[in-house]
Amino acid sequence: METYGERMDAALSTQIKVEMAERDMTQADLAAAVGVGRPAMNRYMKGHQSMPMPTFYKVAQAFGITAHTLIQRAEDRLK
């Protein structure tokens, strides 16, 4: 059985993909916007590596939203 944390990680990854699609952004675009390499962004998105909190805040900023909003949208996916 998946833990809440595992489900939330998956929901966050999905929500980031949705936010990217709404803005016509690629992983490479997002990686450049937050200052990480595309391979690192790919590992974060696939759940192979945890995204550091400073990077998470930069991701939200790149979307023009707060980290809280990004988390809330991901939590809404769990309902």
Protein backbone atom coordinates (compact mmCIF):
# COMPACT_ATOMS: atom_id res chain seq x y z
CA MET A 1 0.00 0.00 0.00
CA GLU A 2 1.31 3.43 -0.94
CA THR A 3 1.93 5.95 1.78
CA TYR A 4 0.46 9.44 1.69
CA GLY A 5 3.94 10.77 0.90
CA GLU A 6 4.32 8.48 -2.09
CA ARG A 7 0.87 9.42 -3.39
CA MET A 8 1.65 13.11 -2.87
CA ASP A 9 4.97 12.81 -4.73
CA ALA A 10 3.11 11.29 -7.68
CA ALA A 11 0.41 13.97 -7.52
CA LEU A 12 3.04 16.74 -7.44
CA SER A 13 4.78 15.27 -10.46
CA THR A 14 1.48 15.07 -12.32
CA GLN A 15 0.58 18.63 -11.34
CA ILE A 16 3.95 19.95 -12.50
CA LYS A 17 3.36 18.22 -15.85
CA VAL A 18 -0.09 19.87 -16.06
CA GLU A 19 1.37 23.28 -15.26
CA MET A 20 4.06 22.76 -17.91
CA ALA A 21 1.48 21.73 -20.52
CA GLU A 22 -0.70 24.76 -19.76
CA ARG A 23 2.31 26.98 -20.44
CA ASP A 24 3.70 25.03 -23.43
CA MET A 25 6.87 24.33 -21.46
CA THR A 26 9.16 21.37 -21.94
CA GLN A 27 11.24 19.77 -19.21
CA ALA A 28 14.23 21.53 -20.76
CA ASP A 29 12.40 24.89 -20.51
CA LEU A 30 11.51 24.30 -16.87
CA ALA A 31 15.00 23.07 -16.03
CA ALA A 32 16.51 26.21 -17.57
CA ALA A 33 14.03 28.43 -15.72
CA VAL A 34 14.98 26.97 -12.35
CA GLY A 35 18.70 26.55 -13.02
CA VAL A 36 19.07 22.77 -13.08
CA GLY A 37 20.02 20.40 -15.87
CA ARG A 38 17.35 18.65 -17.89
CA PRO A 39 18.56 15.22 -16.70
CA ALA A 40 18.08 16.32 -13.08
CA MET A 41 14.60 17.65 -13.85
CA ASN A 42 13.78 14.34 -15.52
CA ARG A 43 14.88 12.42 -12.40
CA TYR A 44 12.69 14.68 -10.23
CA MET A 45 9.69 14.28 -12.51
CA LYS A 46 10.00 10.49 -12.66
CA GLY A 47 10.44 10.17 -8.91
CA HIS A 48 13.95 8.75 -9.14
CA GLN A 49 15.29 11.58 -7.01
CA SER A 50 13.61 13.93 -4.54
CA MET A 51 13.38 17.54 -5.65
CA PRO A 52 15.17 19.85 -3.20
CA MET A 53 12.85 22.38 -1.59
CA PRO A 54 14.70 25.42 -3.04
CA THR A 55 14.21 23.90 -6.51
CA PHE A 56 10.54 23.22 -5.77
CA TYR A 57 10.04 26.89 -4.85
CA LYS A 58 11.77 27.94 -8.08
CA VAL A 59 9.49 25.59 -10.05
CA ALA A 60 6.42 27.25 -8.56
CA GLN A 61 7.91 30.67 -9.26
CA ALA A 62 8.58 29.66 -12.89
CA PHE A 63 4.86 28.93 -13.18
CA GLY A 64 3.96 32.28 -11.61
CA ILE A 65 2.30 30.64 -8.62
CA THR A 66 3.23 30.04 -4.99
CA ALA A 67 4.57 26.75 -3.71
CA HIS A 68 1.44 26.57 -1.55
CA THR A 69 -0.77 26.79 -4.64
CA LEU A 70 1.21 24.06 -6.38
CA ILE A 71 0.90 21.80 -3.34
CA GLN A 72 -2.81 22.55 -2.98
CA ARG A 73 -3.48 21.68 -6.60
CA ALA A 74 -1.58 18.42 -6.15
CA GLU A 75 -3.54 17.64 -2.96
CA ASP A 76 -6.78 18.25 -4.83
CA ARG A 77 -5.74 15.41 -7.17
CA LEU A 78 -5.72 13.04 -4.20
CA LYS A 79 -9.37 13.63 -3.35
